Amino acid sequence: SWIEKPVSPYIHKTSNVDPMATVIGDVTIGERVNIAPGAVIRGD
């Protein structure tokens, strides 16, 4: 009711998101960022 449409995360090509991390929704990850296993970032 407060978010009209789904938004996919933006992850810069130089950044690493581990396969065991979760990134959802309106999330922007800049350059050379490391997201480690088990991290949860929820822009929902």
All heavy atoms as atom14 arrays in JSON, in Angstrom:
{
  "sequence": "SWIEKPVSPYIHKTSNVDPMATVIGDVTIGERVNIAPGAVIRGD",
  "atom14_mask": [
    [1, 1, 1, 1, 1, 1, 0, 0, 0, 0, 0, 0, 0, 0],
    [1, 1, 1, 1, 1, 1, 1, 1, 1, 1, 1, 1, 1, 1],
    [1, 1, 1, 1, 1, 1, 1, 1, 0, 0, 0, 0, 0, 0],
    [1, 1, 1, 1, 1, 1, 1, 1, 1, 0, 0, 0, 0, 0],
    [1, 1, 1, 1, 1, 1, 1, 1, 1, 0, 0, 0, 0, 0],
    [1, 1, 1, 1, 1, 1, 1, 0, 0, 0, 0, 0, 0, 0],
    [1, 1, 1, 1, 1, 1, 1, 0, 0, 0, 0, 0, 0, 0],
    [1, 1, 1, 1, 1, 1, 0, 0, 0, 0, 0, 0, 0, 0],
    [1, 1, 1, 1, 1, 1, 1, 0, 0, 0, 0, 0, 0, 0],
    [1, 1, 1, 1, 1, 1, 1, 1, 1, 1, 1, 1, 0, 0],
    [1, 1, 1, 1, 1, 1, 1, 1, 0, 0, 0, 0, 0, 0],
    [1, 1, 1, 1, 1, 1, 1, 1, 1, 1, 0, 0, 0, 0],
    [1, 1, 1, 1, 1, 1, 1, 1, 1, 0, 0, 0, 0, 0],
    [1, 1, 1, 1, 1, 1, 1, 0, 0, 0, 0, 0, 0, 0],
    [1, 1, 1, 1, 1, 1, 0, 0, 0, 0, 0, 0, 0, 0],
    [1, 1, 1, 1, 1, 1, 1, 1, 0, 0, 0, 0, 0, 0],
    [1, 1, 1, 1, 1, 1, 1, 0, 0, 0, 0, 0, 0, 0],
    [1, 1, 1, 1, 1, 1, 1, 1, 0, 0, 0, 0, 0, 0],
    [1, 1, 1, 1, 1, 1, 1, 0, 0, 0, 0, 0, 0, 0],
    [1, 1, 1, 1, 1, 1, 1, 1, 0, 0, 0, 0, 0, 0],
    [1, 1, 1, 1, 1, 0, 0, 0, 0, 0, 0, 0, 0, 0],
    [1, 1, 1, 1, 1, 1, 1, 0, 0, 0, 0, 0, 0, 0],
    [1, 1, 1, 1, 1, 1, 1, 0, 0, 0, 0, 0, 0, 0],
    [1, 1, 1, 1, 1, 1, 1, 1, 0, 0, 0, 0, 0, 0],
    [1, 1, 1, 1, 0, 0, 0, 0, 0, 0, 0, 0, 0, 0],
    [1, 1, 1, 1, 1, 1, 1, 1, 0, 0, 0, 0, 0, 0],
    [1, 1, 1, 1, 1, 1, 1, 0, 0, 0, 0, 0, 0, 0],
    [1, 1, 1, 1, 1, 1, 1, 0, 0, 0, 0, 0, 0, 0],
    [1, 1, 1, 1, 1, 1, 1, 1, 0, 0, 0, 0, 0, 0],
    [1, 1, 1, 1, 0, 0, 0, 0, 0, 0, 0, 0, 0, 0],
    [1, 1, 1, 1, 1, 1, 1, 1, 1, 0, 0, 0, 0, 0],
    [1, 1, 1, 1, 1, 1, 1, 1, 1, 1, 1, 0, 0, 0],
    [1, 1, 1, 1, 1, 1, 1, 0, 0, 0, 0, 0, 0, 0],
    [1, 1, 1, 1, 1, 1, 1, 1, 0, 0, 0, 0, 0, 0],
    [1, 1, 1, 1, 1, 1, 1, 1, 0, 0, 0, 0, 0, 0],
    [1, 1, 1, 1, 1, 0, 0, 0, 0, 0, 0, 0, 0, 0],
    [1, 1, 1, 1, 1, 1, 1, 0, 0, 0, 0, 0, 0, 0],
    [1, 1, 1, 1, 0, 0, 0, 0, 0, 0, 0, 0, 0, 0],
    [1, 1, 1, 1, 1, 0, 0, 0, 0, 0, 0, 0, 0, 0],
    [1, 1, 1, 1, 1, 1, 1, 0, 0, 0, 0, 0, 0, 0],
    [1, 1, 1, 1, 1, 1, 1, 1, 0, 0, 0, 0, 0, 0],
    [1, 1, 1, 1, 1, 1, 1, 1, 1, 1, 1, 0, 0, 0],
    [1, 1, 1, 1, 0, 0, 0, 0, 0, 0, 0, 0, 0, 0],
    [1, 1, 1, 1, 1, 1, 1, 1, 0, 0, 0, 0, 0, 0]
  ],
  "atom14_positions": [
    [[0.82, -1.21, 0.0], [0.0, 0.0, 0.0], [0.85, 1.26, 0.0], [0.39, 2.34, -0.37], [-0.93, 0.01, 1.22], [-0.18, -0.03, 2.42], [0.0, 0.0, 0.0], [0.0, 0.0, 0.0], [0.0, 0.0, 0.0], [0.0, 0.0, 0.0], [0.0, 0.0, 0.0], [0.0, 0.0, 0.0], [0.0, 0.0, 0.0], [0.0, 0.0, 0.0]],
    [[2.12, 1.17, 0.41], [3.0, 2.35, 0.45], [4.07, 2.33, -0.64], [4.76, 3.32, -0.84], [3.64, 2.51, 1.82], [4.55, 1.38, 2.22], [5.9, 1.28, 1.98], [4.18, 0.18, 2.89], [6.39, 0.1, 2.46], [5.35, -0.6, 3.04], [2.97, -0.31, 3.42], [5.35, -1.84, 3.67], [2.98, -1.54, 4.04], [4.16, -2.3, 4.15]],
    [[4.24, 1.2, -1.33], [5.16, 1.12, -2.46], [4.37, 0.65, -3.67], [3.88, -0.48, -3.7], [6.33, 0.16, -2.18], [7.18, 0.67, -0.99], [7.22, 0.04, -3.42], [8.33, -0.23, -0.62], [0.0, 0.0, 0.0], [0.0, 0.0, 0.0], [0.0, 0.0, 0.0], [0.0, 0.0, 0.0], [0.0, 0.0, 0.0], [0.0, 0.0, 0.0]],
    [[4.24, 1.53, -4.67], [3.33, 1.26, -5.78], [3.82, 0.17, -6.72], [3.03, -0.56, -7.31], [3.1, 2.55, -6.58], [2.34, 3.61, -5.8], [2.06, 4.84, -6.63], [2.51, 4.88, -7.81], [1.39, 5.75, -6.13], [0.0, 0.0, 0.0], [0.0, 0.0, 0.0], [0.0, 0.0, 0.0], [0.0, 0.0, 0.0], [0.0, 0.0, 0.0]],
    [[5.15, 0.07, -6.89], [5.65, -0.93, -7.82], [6.97, -1.51, -7.32], [7.71, -0.86, -6.59], [5.84, -0.32, -9.21], [6.85, 0.82, -9.27], [6.96, 1.35, -10.69], [7.99, 2.49, -10.77], [8.13, 3.0, -12.14], [0.0, 0.0, 0.0], [0.0, 0.0, 0.0], [0.0, 0.0, 0.0], [0.0, 0.0, 0.0], [0.0, 0.0, 0.0]],
    [[7.25, -2.74, -7.7], [8.5, -3.37, -7.29], [9.72, -2.63, -7.86], [9.68, -2.11, -8.98], [8.41, -4.78, -7.89], [6.94, -5.01, -8.09], [6.38, -3.67, -8.45], [0.0, 0.0, 0.0], [0.0, 0.0, 0.0], [0.0, 0.0, 0.0], [0.0, 0.0, 0.0], [0.0, 0.0, 0.0], [0.0, 0.0, 0.0], [0.0, 0.0, 0.0]],
    [[10.77, -2.59, -7.08], [12.04, -1.98, -7.5], [13.15, -3.01, -7.29], [13.23, -3.63, -6.22], [12.35, -0.71, -6.68], [13.7, -0.13, -7.09], [11.25, 0.33, -6.86], [0.0, 0.0, 0.0], [0.0, 0.0, 0.0], [0.0, 0.0, 0.0], [0.0, 0.0, 0.0], [0.0, 0.0, 0.0], [0.0, 0.0, 0.0], [0.0, 0.0, 0.0]],
    [[13.99, -3.18, -8.28], [15.11, -4.12, -8.16], [16.34, -3.39, -7.62], [16.56, -2.21, -7.91], [15.44, -4.74, -9.51], [14.38, -5.57, -9.95], [0.0, 0.0, 0.0], [0.0, 0.0, 0.0], [0.0, 0.0, 0.0], [0.0, 0.0, 0.0], [0.0, 0.0, 0.0], [0.0, 0.0, 0.0], [0.0, 0.0, 0.0], [0.0, 0.0, 0.0]],
    [[17.16, -4.08, -6.84], [18.39, -3.47, -6.35], [19.33, -3.09, -7.5], [19.37, -3.76, -8.53], [19.03, -4.58, -5.5], [17.89, -5.5, -5.14], [16.97, -5.46, -6.31], [0.0, 0.0, 0.0], [0.0, 0.0, 0.0], [0.0, 0.0, 0.0], [0.0, 0.0, 0.0], [0.0, 0.0, 0.0], [0.0, 0.0, 0.0], [0.0, 0.0, 0.0]],
    [[20.08, -2.01, -7.27], [21.16, -1.64, -8.19], [22.48, -1.94, -7.51], [22.76, -1.43, -6.4], [21.11, -0.16, -8.56], [22.38, 0.26, -9.3], [22.53, -0.01, -10.66], [23.42, 0.88, -8.63], [23.69, 0.33, -11.33], [24.59, 1.23, -9.29], [24.72, 0.96, -10.65], [25.87, 1.29, -11.29], [0.0, 0.0, 0.0], [0.0, 0.0, 0.0]],
    [[23.3, -2.75, -8.13], [24.6, -3.14, -7.58], [25.66, -2.81, -8.62], [25.63, -3.33, -9.74], [24.62, -4.64, -7.24], [23.53, -4.97, -6.22], [26.0, -5.04, -6.69], [23.25, -6.45, -6.06], [0.0, 0.0, 0.0], [0.0, 0.0, 0.0], [0.0, 0.0, 0.0], [0.0, 0.0, 0.0], [0.0, 0.0, 0.0], [0.0, 0.0, 0.0]],
    [[26.6, -1.96, -8.26], [27.64, -1.58, -9.22], [28.47, -2.8, -9.6], [28.7, -3.7, -8.79], [28.54, -0.5, -8.61], [29.43, 0.15, -9.63], [30.68, -0.36, -9.95], [29.27, 1.27, -10.39], [31.23, 0.41, -10.87], [30.4, 1.41, -11.15], [0.0, 0.0, 0.0], [0.0, 0.0, 0.0], [0.0, 0.0, 0.0], [0.0, 0.0, 0.0]],
    [[28.94, -2.81, -10.82], [29.64, -3.99, -11.35], [30.95, -4.28, -10.63], [31.47, -5.4, -10.72], [29.9, -3.81, -12.85], [30.82, -2.65, -13.19], [31.0, -2.52, -14.7], [31.93, -1.37, -15.05], [32.1, -1.23, -16.52], [0.0, 0.0, 0.0], [0.0, 0.0, 0.0], [0.0, 0.0, 0.0], [0.0, 0.0, 0.0], [0.0, 0.0, 0.0]],
    [[31.5, -3.3, -9.92], [32.75, -3.53, -9.19], [32.51, -4.02, -7.76], [33.48, -4.22, -7.01], [33.59, -2.24, -9.12], [32.82, -1.22, -8.45], [33.98, -1.78, -10.51], [0.0, 0.0, 0.0], [0.0, 0.0, 0.0], [0.0, 0.0, 0.0], [0.0, 0.0, 0.0], [0.0, 0.0, 0.0], [0.0, 0.0, 0.0], [0.0, 0.0, 0.0]],
    [[31.26, -4.2, -7.37], [30.94, -4.63, -6.01], [30.61, -6.11, -5.96], [30.13, -6.7, -6.93], [29.77, -3.82, -5.46], [30.17, -2.48, -5.24], [0.0, 0.0, 0.0], [0.0, 0.0, 0.0], [0.0, 0.0, 0.0], [0.0, 0.0, 0.0], [0.0, 0.0, 0.0], [0.0, 0.0, 0.0], [0.0, 0.0, 0.0], [0.0, 0.0, 0.0]],
    [[30.86, -6.7, -4.8], [30.61, -8.13, -4.6], [29.49, -8.34, -3.59], [29.52, -7.81, -2.48], [31.87, -8.81, -4.06], [31.61, -10.24, -3.64], [31.28, -11.09, -4.45], [31.72, -10.51, -2.33], [0.0, 0.0, 0.0], [0.0, 0.0, 0.0], [0.0, 0.0, 0.0], [0.0, 0.0, 0.0], [0.0, 0.0, 0.0], [0.0, 0.0, 0.0]],
    [[28.48, -9.1, -4.0], [27.43, -9.54, -3.1], [27.53, -11.06, -2.99], [27.33, -11.77, -3.98], [26.03, -9.13, -3.59], [24.95, -9.69, -2.66], [25.92, -7.6, -3.66], [0.0, 0.0, 0.0], [0.0, 0.0, 0.0], [0.0, 0.0, 0.0], [0.0, 0.0, 0.0], [0.0, 0.0, 0.0], [0.0, 0.0, 0.0], [0.0, 0.0, 0.0]],
    [[27.86, -11.55, -1.81], [28.02, -12.99, -1.64], [26.71, -13.72, -1.96], [25.62, -13.21, -1.68], [28.43, -13.29, -0.19], [28.8, -14.74, -0.01], [29.98, -15.07, -0.19], [27.9, -15.56, 0.31], [0.0, 0.0, 0.0], [0.0, 0.0, 0.0], [0.0, 0.0, 0.0], [0.0, 0.0, 0.0], [0.0, 0.0, 0.0], [0.0, 0.0, 0.0]],
    [[26.8, -14.91, -2.56], [25.58, -15.68, -2.88], [24.71, -15.99, -1.67], [23.52, -16.27, -1.82], [26.14, -16.97, -3.5], [27.48, -16.6, -4.01], [28.02, -15.58, -3.07], [0.0, 0.0, 0.0], [0.0, 0.0, 0.0], [0.0, 0.0, 0.0], [0.0, 0.0, 0.0], [0.0, 0.0, 0.0], [0.0, 0.0, 0.0], [0.0, 0.0, 0.0]],
    [[25.29, -15.93, -0.46], [24.51, -16.21, 0.75], [23.96, -14.94, 1.4], [23.34, -14.99, 2.46], [25.36, -16.98, 1.75], [25.74, -18.38, 1.28], [26.78, -19.26, 2.47], [25.65, -19.42, 3.85], [0.0, 0.0, 0.0], [0.0, 0.0, 0.0], [0.0, 0.0, 0.0], [0.0, 0.0, 0.0], [0.0, 0.0, 0.0], [0.0, 0.0, 0.0]],
    [[24.18, -13.78, 0.78], [23.59, -12.53, 1.25], [22.25, -12.32, 0.55], [21.99, -12.87, -0.52], [24.52, -11.36, 0.98], [0.0, 0.0, 0.0], [0.0, 0.0, 0.0], [0.0, 0.0, 0.0], [0.0, 0.0, 0.0], [0.0, 0.0, 0.0], [0.0, 0.0, 0.0], [0.0, 0.0, 0.0], [0.0, 0.0, 0.0], [0.0, 0.0, 0.0]],
    [[21.38, -11.49, 1.16], [20.07, -11.18, 0.59], [19.95, -9.67, 0.41], [20.17, -8.91, 1.36], [18.94, -11.68, 1.5], [19.07, -13.1, 1.67], [17.58, -11.37, 0.91], [0.0, 0.0, 0.0], [0.0, 0.0, 0.0], [0.0, 0.0, 0.0], [0.0, 0.0, 0.0], [0.0, 0.0, 0.0], [0.0, 0.0, 0.0], [0.0, 0.0, 0.0]],
    [[19.59, -9.24, -0.8], [19.39, -7.83, -1.09], [18.04, -7.69, -1.79], [17.82, -8.29, -2.85], [20.51, -7.26, -1.98], [20.32, -5.77, -2.21], [21.88, -7.53, -1.36], [0.0, 0.0, 0.0], [0.0, 0.0, 0.0], [0.0, 0.0, 0.0], [0.0, 0.0, 0.0], [0.0, 0.0, 0.0], [0.0, 0.0, 0.0], [0.0, 0.0, 0.0]],
    [[17.14, -6.91, -1.2], [15.76, -6.83, -1.69], [15.35, -5.37, -1.89], [15.57, -4.53, -1.02], [14.78, -7.48, -0.69], [15.11, -8.96, -0.49], [13.34, -7.33, -1.16], [14.31, -9.61, 0.62], [0.0, 0.0, 0.0], [0.0, 0.0, 0.0], [0.0, 0.0, 0.0], [0.0, 0.0, 0.0], [0.0, 0.0, 0.0], [0.0, 0.0, 0.0]],
    [[14.76, -5.09, -3.04], [14.05, -3.84, -3.25], [14.92, -2.63, -3.56], [15.94, -2.73, -4.24], [0.0, 0.0, 0.0], [0.0, 0.0, 0.0], [0.0, 0.0, 0.0], [0.0, 0.0, 0.0], [0.0, 0.0, 0.0], [0.0, 0.0, 0.0], [0.0, 0.0, 0.0], [0.0, 0.0, 0.0], [0.0, 0.0, 0.0], [0.0, 0.0, 0.0]],
    [[14.51, -1.49, -3.03], [15.09, -0.19, -3.36], [16.42, 0.01, -2.63], [16.52, 0.75, -1.65], [14.1, 0.91, -3.0], [14.51, 2.26, -3.57], [15.61, 2.35, -4.17], [13.74, 3.23, -3.41], [0.0, 0.0, 0.0], [0.0, 0.0, 0.0], [0.0, 0.0, 0.0], [0.0, 0.0, 0.0], [0.0, 0.0, 0.0], [0.0, 0.0, 0.0]],
    [[17.42, -0.7, -3.12], [18.76, -0.69, -2.53], [19.76, -0.3, -3.62], [19.73, -0.86, -4.71], [19.15, -2.07, -1.95], [20.57, -2.05, -1.41], [18.16, -2.49, -0.87], [0.0, 0.0, 0.0], [0.0, 0.0, 0.0], [0.0, 0.0, 0.0], [0.0, 0.0, 0.0], [0.0, 0.0, 0.0], [0.0, 0.0, 0.0], [0.0, 0.0, 0.0]],
    [[20.62, 0.65, -3.31], [21.68, 1.05, -4.23], [23.02, 0.78, -3.56], [23.29, 1.27, -2.46], [21.58, 2.55, -4.58], [20.34, 2.79, -5.24], [22.73, 2.96, -5.49], [0.0, 0.0, 0.0], [0.0, 0.0, 0.0], [0.0, 0.0, 0.0], [0.0, 0.0, 0.0], [0.0, 0.0, 0.0], [0.0, 0.0, 0.0], [0.0, 0.0, 0.0]],
    [[23.85, -0.01, -4.23], [25.17, -0.38, -3.72], [26.21, 0.22, -4.66], [26.24, -0.09, -5.85], [25.32, -1.9, -3.62], [24.31, -2.44, -2.58], [26.74, -2.29, -3.24], [24.26, -3.95, -2.49], [0.0, 0.0, 0.0], [0.0, 0.0, 0.0], [0.0, 0.0, 0.0], [0.0, 0.0, 0.0], [0.0, 0.0, 0.0], [0.0, 0.0, 0.0]],
    [[27.06, 1.08, -4.11], [28.03, 1.81, -4.91], [29.22, 0.97, -5.35], [29.16, -0.26, -5.39], [0.0, 0.0, 0.0], [0.0, 0.0, 0.0], [0.0, 0.0, 0.0], [0.0, 0.0, 0.0], [0.0, 0.0, 0.0], [0.0, 0.0, 0.0], [0.0, 0.0, 0.0], [0.0, 0.0, 0.0], [0.0, 0.0, 0.0], [0.0, 0.0, 0.0]],
    [[30.32, 1.63, -5.65], [31.5, 0.97, -6.22], [32.36, 0.31, -5.14], [32.49, 0.82, -4.03], [32.34, 1.99, -6.98], [31.61, 2.68, -8.11], [32.42, 3.78, -8.75], [33.67, 3.77, -8.59], [31.83, 4.66, -9.4], [0.0, 0.0, 0.0], [0.0, 0.0, 0.0], [0.0, 0.0, 0.0], [0.0, 0.0, 0.0], [0.0, 0.0, 0.0]],
    [[32.93, -0.84, -5.5], [33.91, -1.55, -4.66], [33.39, -1.82, -3.25], [34.11, -1.7, -2.26], [35.24, -0.77, -4.61], [35.92, -0.63, -5.97], [37.12, 0.27, -5.92], [36.74, 1.64, -5.55], [36.25, 2.54, -6.39], [36.08, 2.24, -7.68], [35.92, 3.74, -5.97], [0.0, 0.0, 0.0], [0.0, 0.0, 0.0], [0.0, 0.0, 0.0]],
    [[32.14, -2.21, -3.17], [31.5, -2.56, -1.89], [31.55, -4.09, -1.73], [31.35, -4.82, -2.7], [30.05, -2.06, -1.85], [29.31, -2.57, -0.61], [30.01, -0.53, -1.89], [0.0, 0.0, 0.0], [0.0, 0.0, 0.0], [0.0, 0.0, 0.0], [0.0, 0.0, 0.0], [0.0, 0.0, 0.0], [0.0, 0.0, 0.0], [0.0, 0.0, 0.0]],
    [[31.79, -4.54, -0.51], [31.77, -5.98, -0.23], [30.62, -6.3, 0.7], [30.54, -5.75, 1.81], [33.09, -6.43, 0.4], [33.2, -7.94, 0.44], [32.82, -8.63, -0.5], [33.73, -8.47, 1.53], [0.0, 0.0, 0.0], [0.0, 0.0, 0.0], [0.0, 0.0, 0.0], [0.0, 0.0, 0.0], [0.0, 0.0, 0.0], [0.0, 0.0, 0.0]],
    [[29.71, -7.17, 0.25], [28.57, -7.62, 1.06], [28.83, -9.08, 1.41], [28.85, -9.95, 0.53], [27.23, -7.49, 0.3], [27.06, -6.07, -0.28], [26.08, -7.85, 1.23], [26.93, -4.98, 0.72], [0.0, 0.0, 0.0], [0.0, 0.0, 0.0], [0.0, 0.0, 0.0], [0.0, 0.0, 0.0], [0.0, 0.0, 0.0], [0.0, 0.0, 0.0]],
    [[29.03, -9.38, 2.69], [29.49, -10.69, 3.13], [28.34, -11.68, 3.31], [27.15, -11.31, 3.29], [30.27, -10.54, 4.44], [0.0, 0.0, 0.0], [0.0, 0.0, 0.0], [0.0, 0.0, 0.0], [0.0, 0.0, 0.0], [0.0, 0.0, 0.0], [0.0, 0.0, 0.0], [0.0, 0.0, 0.0], [0.0, 0.0, 0.0], [0.0, 0.0, 0.0]],
    [[28.66, -12.97, 3.48], [27.63, -14.0, 3.67], [26.71, -13.7, 4.84], [27.15, -13.23, 5.9], [28.45, -15.27, 3.94], [29.77, -15.02, 3.31], [30.03, -13.56, 3.47], [0.0, 0.0, 0.0], [0.0, 0.0, 0.0], [0.0, 0.0, 0.0], [0.0, 0.0, 0.0], [0.0, 0.0, 0.0], [0.0, 0.0, 0.0], [0.0, 0.0, 0.0]],
    [[25.42, -13.96, 4.64], [24.44, -13.82, 5.71], [23.91, -12.42, 5.91], [22.96, -12.22, 6.68], [0.0, 0.0, 0.0], [0.0, 0.0, 0.0], [0.0, 0.0, 0.0], [0.0, 0.0, 0.0], [0.0, 0.0, 0.0], [0.0, 0.0, 0.0], [0.0, 0.0, 0.0], [0.0, 0.0, 0.0], [0.0, 0.0, 0.0], [0.0, 0.0, 0.0]],
    [[24.47, -11.43, 5.23], [23.94, -10.07, 5.35], [22.55, -10.0, 4.71], [22.29, -10.65, 3.69], [24.88, -9.07, 4.67], [0.0, 0.0, 0.0], [0.0, 0.0, 0.0], [0.0, 0.0, 0.0], [0.0, 0.0, 0.0], [0.0, 0.0, 0.0], [0.0, 0.0, 0.0], [0.0, 0.0, 0.0], [0.0, 0.0, 0.0], [0.0, 0.0, 0.0]],
    [[21.67, -9.2, 5.32], [20.32, -9.0, 4.79], [20.08, -7.5, 4.68], [20.13, -6.77, 5.68], [19.25, -9.64, 5.7], [17.85, -9.33, 5.16], [19.46, -11.14, 5.81], [0.0, 0.0, 0.0], [0.0, 0.0, 0.0], [0.0, 0.0, 0.0], [0.0, 0.0, 0.0], [0.0, 0.0, 0.0], [0.0, 0.0, 0.0], [0.0, 0.0, 0.0]],
    [[19.8, -7.04, 3.46], [19.55, -5.62, 3.2], [18.19, -5.54, 2.54], [18.02, -5.94, 1.38], [20.64, -5.03, 2.29], [22.04, -5.29, 2.9], [20.42, -3.54, 2.09], [23.17, -4.97, 1.96], [0.0, 0.0, 0.0], [0.0, 0.0, 0.0], [0.0, 0.0, 0.0], [0.0, 0.0, 0.0], [0.0, 0.0, 0.0], [0.0, 0.0, 0.0]],
    [[17.2, -5.02, 3.27], [15.81, -5.07, 2.79], [15.24, -3.67, 2.56], [14.86, -2.98, 3.49], [14.92, -5.81, 3.8], [15.1, -7.3, 3.81], [13.85, -8.01, 4.33], [13.59, -7.77, 5.73], [12.44, -7.3, 6.21], [11.45, -6.98, 5.39], [12.3, -7.14, 7.5], [0.0, 0.0, 0.0], [0.0, 0.0, 0.0], [0.0, 0.0, 0.0]],
    [[15.16, -3.31, 1.29], [14.51, -2.06, 0.92], [13.08, -2.31, 0.5], [12.7, -2.01, -0.64], [0.0, 0.0, 0.0], [0.0, 0.0, 0.0], [0.0, 0.0, 0.0], [0.0, 0.0, 0.0], [0.0, 0.0, 0.0], [0.0, 0.0, 0.0], [0.0, 0.0, 0.0], [0.0, 0.0, 0.0], [0.0, 0.0, 0.0], [0.0, 0.0, 0.0]],
    [[12.3, -2.85, 1.43], [10.91, -3.22, 1.1], [9.89, -2.53, 2.0], [8.69, -2.64, 1.77], [10.72, -4.73, 1.16], [11.04, -5.32, 2.54], [11.44, -4.55, 3.45], [10.9, -6.54, 2.71], [0.0, 0.0, 0.0], [0.0, 0.0, 0.0], [0.0, 0.0, 0.0], [0.0, 0.0, 0.0], [0.0, 0.0, 0.0], [0.0, 0.0, 0.0]]
  ]
}
